[in-house]
């Protein structure tokens, strides 16, 4: 068995930033848990959450 991810389904609009909700599986989200976890990880790795995903 081989699992694959369709990036076009995960990030349907790559012109959006992570902060704007580029990751479709987390939009809309009722909890702040995942966005906060994402922001901490991006800060740790020096990735700008305000740059377009593309």
Foldseek 3Di string as FASTA:
>chain_A
DDDDDDVCQQQVDQQAFVVRPRGVVPPPPPDCVVVVVVVVVCVVVVHDRRGRND
